[in-house]
Protein backbone atom coordinates (compact mmCIF):
# COMPACT_ATOMS: atom_id res chain seq x y z
CA MET A 1 -68.59 -7.63 44.64
CA PRO A 2 -67.54 -10.96 46.17
CA LYS A 3 -69.09 -14.20 44.96
CA ILE A 4 -70.97 -16.14 47.67
CA ILE A 5 -71.79 -19.87 47.60
CA ASP A 6 -74.41 -21.17 50.04
CA LEU A 7 -73.04 -24.17 51.95
CA SER A 8 -76.13 -24.76 54.09
CA THR A 9 -78.98 -27.24 54.18
CA PRO A 10 -82.44 -25.89 55.05
CA HIS A 11 -84.62 -26.51 58.06
CA GLU A 12 -87.65 -28.36 56.63
CA ASN A 13 -90.34 -30.80 57.62
CA GLY A 14 -89.42 -34.38 56.82
CA ALA A 15 -85.69 -33.62 56.76
CA SER A 16 -83.43 -36.67 56.58
CA GLU A 17 -82.13 -36.28 60.14
CA SER A 18 -82.36 -38.38 63.26
CA PHE A 19 -84.38 -35.61 64.94
CA PRO A 20 -85.99 -33.57 62.13
CA PRO A 21 -87.53 -30.17 62.84
CA GLU A 22 -91.28 -29.63 62.99
CA ILE A 23 -92.37 -26.43 61.26
CA THR A 24 -95.86 -24.95 61.50
CA TYR A 25 -96.54 -22.23 58.92
CA LYS A 26 -98.91 -19.34 59.64
CA ASP A 27 -99.90 -17.38 56.52
CA HIS A 28 -100.97 -13.73 56.23
CA LYS A 29 -104.61 -14.48 57.06
CA ASP A 30 -103.47 -16.19 60.26
CA GLY A 31 -101.25 -13.19 60.86
CA ALA A 32 -104.20 -10.81 60.77
CA SER A 33 -105.93 -12.80 63.50
CA ARG A 34 -102.78 -13.08 65.60
CA LEU A 35 -101.85 -9.39 65.36
CA GLY A 36 -105.49 -8.41 65.76
CA LYS A 37 -105.60 -10.11 69.14
CA LEU A 38 -102.29 -8.49 70.11
CA ALA A 39 -103.43 -4.98 69.14
CA ASP A 40 -107.14 -5.44 69.85
CA ILE A 41 -107.98 -4.70 66.21
CA PRO A 42 -110.43 -6.66 64.00
CA PRO A 43 -108.50 -8.76 61.41
CA GLU A 44 -110.37 -7.11 58.52
CA GLU A 45 -108.88 -3.73 59.42
CA PHE A 46 -105.44 -4.83 58.23
CA PRO A 47 -104.60 -3.98 54.57
CA ASP A 48 -106.39 -6.56 52.38
CA GLY A 49 -107.35 -8.35 55.58
CA MET A 50 -103.86 -9.76 55.86
CA GLY A 51 -101.28 -9.49 58.61
CA LEU A 52 -97.74 -10.84 58.87
CA ALA A 53 -96.72 -14.42 58.08
CA THR A 54 -94.83 -16.36 60.76
CA GLU A 55 -93.55 -19.85 61.49
CA ARG A 56 -93.31 -21.86 64.69
CA ILE A 57 -90.40 -24.30 64.72
CA VAL A 58 -89.60 -27.15 67.11
CA LEU A 59 -86.03 -28.36 66.61
CA THR A 60 -82.75 -29.16 68.34
CA SER A 61 -79.67 -26.98 68.27
CA HIS A 62 -78.15 -29.67 66.03
CA SER A 63 -80.84 -29.52 63.35
CA GLY A 64 -79.82 -28.42 59.87
CA THR A 65 -76.43 -26.85 59.20
CA HIS A 66 -74.93 -26.01 62.57
CA VAL A 67 -71.72 -25.56 64.53
CA ASP A 68 -70.86 -27.95 67.37
CA SER A 69 -69.17 -26.34 70.36
CA PRO A 70 -66.53 -28.09 72.51
CA TYR A 71 -69.19 -28.53 75.21
CA HIS A 72 -71.05 -30.87 72.85
CA PHE A 73 -68.16 -33.32 73.05
CA GLY A 74 -67.88 -33.37 76.84
CA PRO A 75 -67.94 -31.20 79.99
CA THR A 76 -64.20 -30.47 79.73
CA SER A 77 -61.73 -29.97 76.90
CA GLU A 78 -57.97 -29.75 77.22
CA GLY A 79 -58.37 -30.07 80.98
CA LYS A 80 -60.65 -27.08 81.46
CA LYS A 81 -64.36 -26.31 81.25
CA ALA A 82 -65.53 -26.84 77.69
CA ARG A 83 -66.84 -23.76 75.92
CA THR A 84 -70.48 -23.56 74.96
CA ILE A 85 -71.55 -22.12 71.60
CA ASP A 86 -71.97 -18.61 73.02
CA GLU A 87 -68.40 -18.74 74.32
CA VAL A 88 -66.47 -19.92 71.25
CA PRO A 89 -64.13 -17.41 69.60
CA LEU A 90 -65.83 -16.13 66.45
CA ASP A 91 -62.53 -16.09 64.56
CA TRP A 92 -62.65 -19.89 64.68
CA CYS A 93 -65.76 -19.68 62.49
CA TYR A 94 -64.26 -17.49 59.78
CA GLY A 95 -61.14 -18.15 57.73
CA PRO A 96 -59.54 -19.60 54.60
CA GLY A 97 -61.24 -22.79 53.47
CA VAL A 98 -59.71 -26.05 52.26
CA VAL A 99 -61.81 -28.78 50.61
CA LEU A 100 -60.58 -32.37 50.89
CA ASP A 101 -62.37 -34.67 48.46
CA PHE A 102 -63.26 -38.16 49.72
CA ARG A 103 -66.16 -38.85 47.36
CA HIS A 104 -64.28 -41.86 46.01
CA LEU A 105 -64.50 -43.70 49.34
CA PRO A 106 -67.33 -46.21 49.92
CA PRO A 107 -70.13 -45.31 52.35
CA GLY A 108 -69.17 -46.07 55.93
CA SER A 109 -65.43 -45.71 55.35
CA ASN A 110 -63.20 -44.49 58.15
CA ILE A 111 -60.94 -41.77 56.76
CA SER A 112 -57.39 -42.30 57.96
CA ALA A 113 -54.69 -39.72 58.65
CA GLU A 114 -52.79 -41.10 55.67
CA GLN A 115 -55.79 -40.54 53.41
CA VAL A 116 -56.04 -36.95 54.64
CA GLN A 117 -52.38 -36.46 53.75
CA GLU A 118 -52.98 -37.98 50.31
CA ALA A 119 -55.92 -35.61 49.72
CA LEU A 120 -53.75 -32.64 50.64
CA ALA A 121 -50.93 -33.84 48.37
CA LYS A 122 -53.40 -34.16 45.51
CA ILE A 123 -54.23 -30.44 45.74
CA ASP A 124 -50.62 -29.51 46.62
CA HIS A 125 -51.59 -27.82 49.86
CA THR A 126 -50.12 -27.69 53.36
CA LEU A 127 -52.45 -26.90 56.24
CA SER A 128 -51.93 -23.65 58.12
CA PRO A 129 -53.33 -22.45 61.47
CA GLY A 130 -56.68 -20.72 61.14
CA GLU A 131 -57.83 -22.59 58.05
CA ILE A 132 -61.22 -24.29 58.04
CA VAL A 133 -61.03 -27.83 56.66
CA LEU A 134 -64.11 -29.08 54.79
CA ILE A 135 -64.57 -32.83 54.30
CA GLU A 136 -66.35 -33.57 51.02
CA THR A 137 -68.21 -36.88 50.89
CA GLY A 138 -70.99 -36.07 48.41
CA THR A 139 -73.60 -37.04 50.99
CA ASP A 140 -75.46 -33.74 50.62
CA LYS A 141 -76.74 -34.95 47.24
CA TYR A 142 -78.88 -37.50 49.15
CA TRP A 143 -80.52 -34.92 51.44
CA MET A 144 -84.23 -35.67 51.95
CA THR A 145 -83.73 -39.35 51.06
CA GLU A 146 -83.30 -42.49 53.17
CA GLU A 147 -79.72 -42.77 51.92
CA TYR A 148 -78.54 -39.58 53.61
CA LEU A 149 -77.73 -40.96 57.06
CA PRO A 150 -75.94 -44.20 56.05
CA ARG A 151 -74.25 -42.82 52.93
CA GLN A 152 -71.33 -40.87 54.37
CA CYS A 153 -67.79 -41.74 55.28
CA GLY A 154 -66.27 -40.10 58.37
CA LEU A 155 -63.04 -39.00 60.00
CA SER A 156 -61.15 -41.41 62.21
CA ARG A 157 -59.77 -40.29 65.56
CA GLU A 158 -56.25 -40.34 64.11
CA ALA A 159 -57.24 -38.21 61.11
CA THR A 160 -58.98 -35.69 63.34
CA ALA A 161 -55.94 -35.45 65.61
CA TRP A 162 -53.60 -35.03 62.64
CA ILE A 163 -55.65 -32.16 61.22
CA LEU A 164 -55.96 -30.38 64.57
CA ASP A 165 -52.22 -30.72 65.20
CA HIS A 166 -51.73 -28.27 62.33
CA GLY A 167 -53.45 -25.43 64.19
CA ILE A 168 -56.92 -26.09 62.75
CA ARG A 169 -59.80 -25.08 65.02
CA CYS A 170 -62.77 -25.90 62.79
CA ILE A 171 -63.63 -28.91 60.60
CA GLY A 172 -66.78 -29.19 58.50
CA ILE A 173 -68.48 -31.99 56.57
CA ASP A 174 -71.29 -32.29 54.01
CA ALA A 175 -73.02 -35.03 56.01
CA TRP A 176 -74.92 -35.70 59.22
CA GLY A 177 -71.80 -35.77 61.39
CA LEU A 178 -68.03 -35.85 61.26
CA ASP A 179 -67.93 -39.53 62.27
CA ARG A 180 -69.02 -42.61 60.34
CA PRO A 181 -72.70 -43.63 60.19
CA VAL A 182 -74.03 -44.90 63.51
CA LYS A 183 -74.48 -48.50 62.33
CA GLU A 184 -70.86 -48.65 61.19
CA MET A 185 -69.58 -47.27 64.50
CA VAL A 186 -71.68 -49.72 66.51
CA LYS A 187 -70.55 -52.62 64.32
CA ALA A 188 -66.90 -51.69 64.89
CA HIS A 189 -67.50 -51.21 68.62
CA LYS A 190 -69.06 -54.65 69.01
CA ALA A 191 -66.11 -56.12 67.10
CA GLY A 192 -63.77 -54.71 69.75
CA GLU A 193 -62.36 -51.77 67.82
CA PRO A 194 -61.06 -49.13 70.29
CA ASN A 195 -62.49 -45.61 70.10
CA ALA A 196 -65.11 -46.76 67.61
CA LEU A 197 -67.99 -44.68 68.97
CA TRP A 198 -68.03 -41.06 67.78
CA PRO A 199 -64.21 -40.89 67.77
CA SER A 200 -63.96 -37.42 66.20
CA HIS A 201 -66.51 -35.98 68.59
CA PHE A 202 -64.96 -37.49 71.69
CA TYR A 203 -61.49 -36.38 70.62
CA GLY A 204 -62.83 -32.89 71.28
CA ARG A 205 -62.44 -33.67 74.99
CA GLU A 206 -58.68 -33.73 74.43
CA LYS A 207 -58.34 -31.00 71.79
CA GLU A 208 -60.66 -28.00 71.66
CA TYR A 209 -62.24 -27.45 68.24
CA LEU A 210 -65.50 -26.90 66.35
CA GLN A 211 -67.41 -29.02 63.87
CA ILE A 212 -69.70 -27.69 61.13
CA GLU A 213 -72.20 -30.41 60.24
CA LYS A 214 -74.71 -30.88 57.40
CA LEU A 215 -72.92 -28.65 54.92
CA ALA A 216 -73.80 -28.71 51.21
CA ASN A 217 -72.46 -27.70 47.79
CA LEU A 218 -68.79 -28.38 48.50
CA ASP A 219 -68.56 -29.61 44.89
CA LYS A 220 -69.07 -25.98 43.81
CA LEU A 221 -65.85 -24.91 45.51
CA PRO A 222 -62.22 -25.06 44.41
CA PRO A 223 -59.87 -26.87 46.80
CA THR A 224 -58.54 -23.55 48.15
CA GLY A 225 -58.78 -19.83 47.47
CA PHE A 226 -62.00 -18.95 49.30
CA THR A 227 -63.13 -17.88 52.75
CA VAL A 228 -65.60 -19.77 54.95
CA SER A 229 -68.06 -17.94 57.18
CA ALA A 230 -70.06 -20.09 59.61
CA PHE A 231 -71.04 -17.89 62.55
CA PRO A 232 -73.38 -19.79 64.90
CA VAL A 233 -76.55 -18.36 66.41
CA LYS A 234 -75.82 -17.24 69.97
CA ILE A 235 -77.74 -19.65 72.20
CA SER A 236 -76.91 -19.25 75.88
CA HIS A 237 -75.08 -22.25 77.41
CA ALA A 238 -75.82 -24.42 74.34
CA SER A 239 -73.85 -27.26 72.78
CA ALA A 240 -74.42 -26.01 69.24
CA GLY A 241 -75.90 -23.21 67.16
CA TRP A 242 -77.47 -23.07 63.73
CA CYS A 243 -75.56 -21.20 61.05
CA ARG A 244 -75.90 -20.03 57.45
CA ALA A 245 -72.52 -21.30 56.24
CA VAL A 246 -71.18 -19.68 53.08
CA ALA A 247 -68.04 -19.63 50.98
CA ILE A 248 -66.83 -16.20 49.88
CA PHE A 249 -64.64 -15.57 46.83
CA ASN A 250 -62.91 -12.21 46.65
CA ASP A 251 -62.02 -11.40 43.05
């Protein structure tokens, strides 16, 4: 049997996100009342007076671990209509994984193309088309704290372009987004730095690719030798879809 490592963060109330989900829980007693109204049956006629538990969730398509489609980055990509999450090729969401470790970089750092090359040299690996590159920052260890959003480092435009030039169609990160924290991007923008605002995201208007955001547990993975599965939920015409991302080891 293959070994599976969960790479996902949960949907939960109070999540350390800019737009956290709101979850209302209905227990089995509530379920008896709800199903009783649906079937015109008194609640006490259900076994033990209990029905079925349910939850009502209000969230965005970018809540929790999710996959960003090219349409998220802009209306067009590579000169044609950008694909929404229900249109992306599923083989982009499944393939050999590569973990690049940037935990040594200070929060807010802009990962350069040279630093990506150094990380690859450290694990003696050359990128190949179809691989899924995972950026490890260690930010997932601060999930559900105030440090989560400002803690990460992020990919520069140049680093993103360099990775995609190797035939990569999907890049993931164990943080809120693939770019630097918002305050760092705004600070650089006001200082006159070109392409400072969401550079990795907006590069998706030039090169079609996917991002997996809010991953976790990348420290449990070897640099290579595993498969990533991150199939997004099929939401019609949407910019993203939630996923249960996992790493699979075939012995």
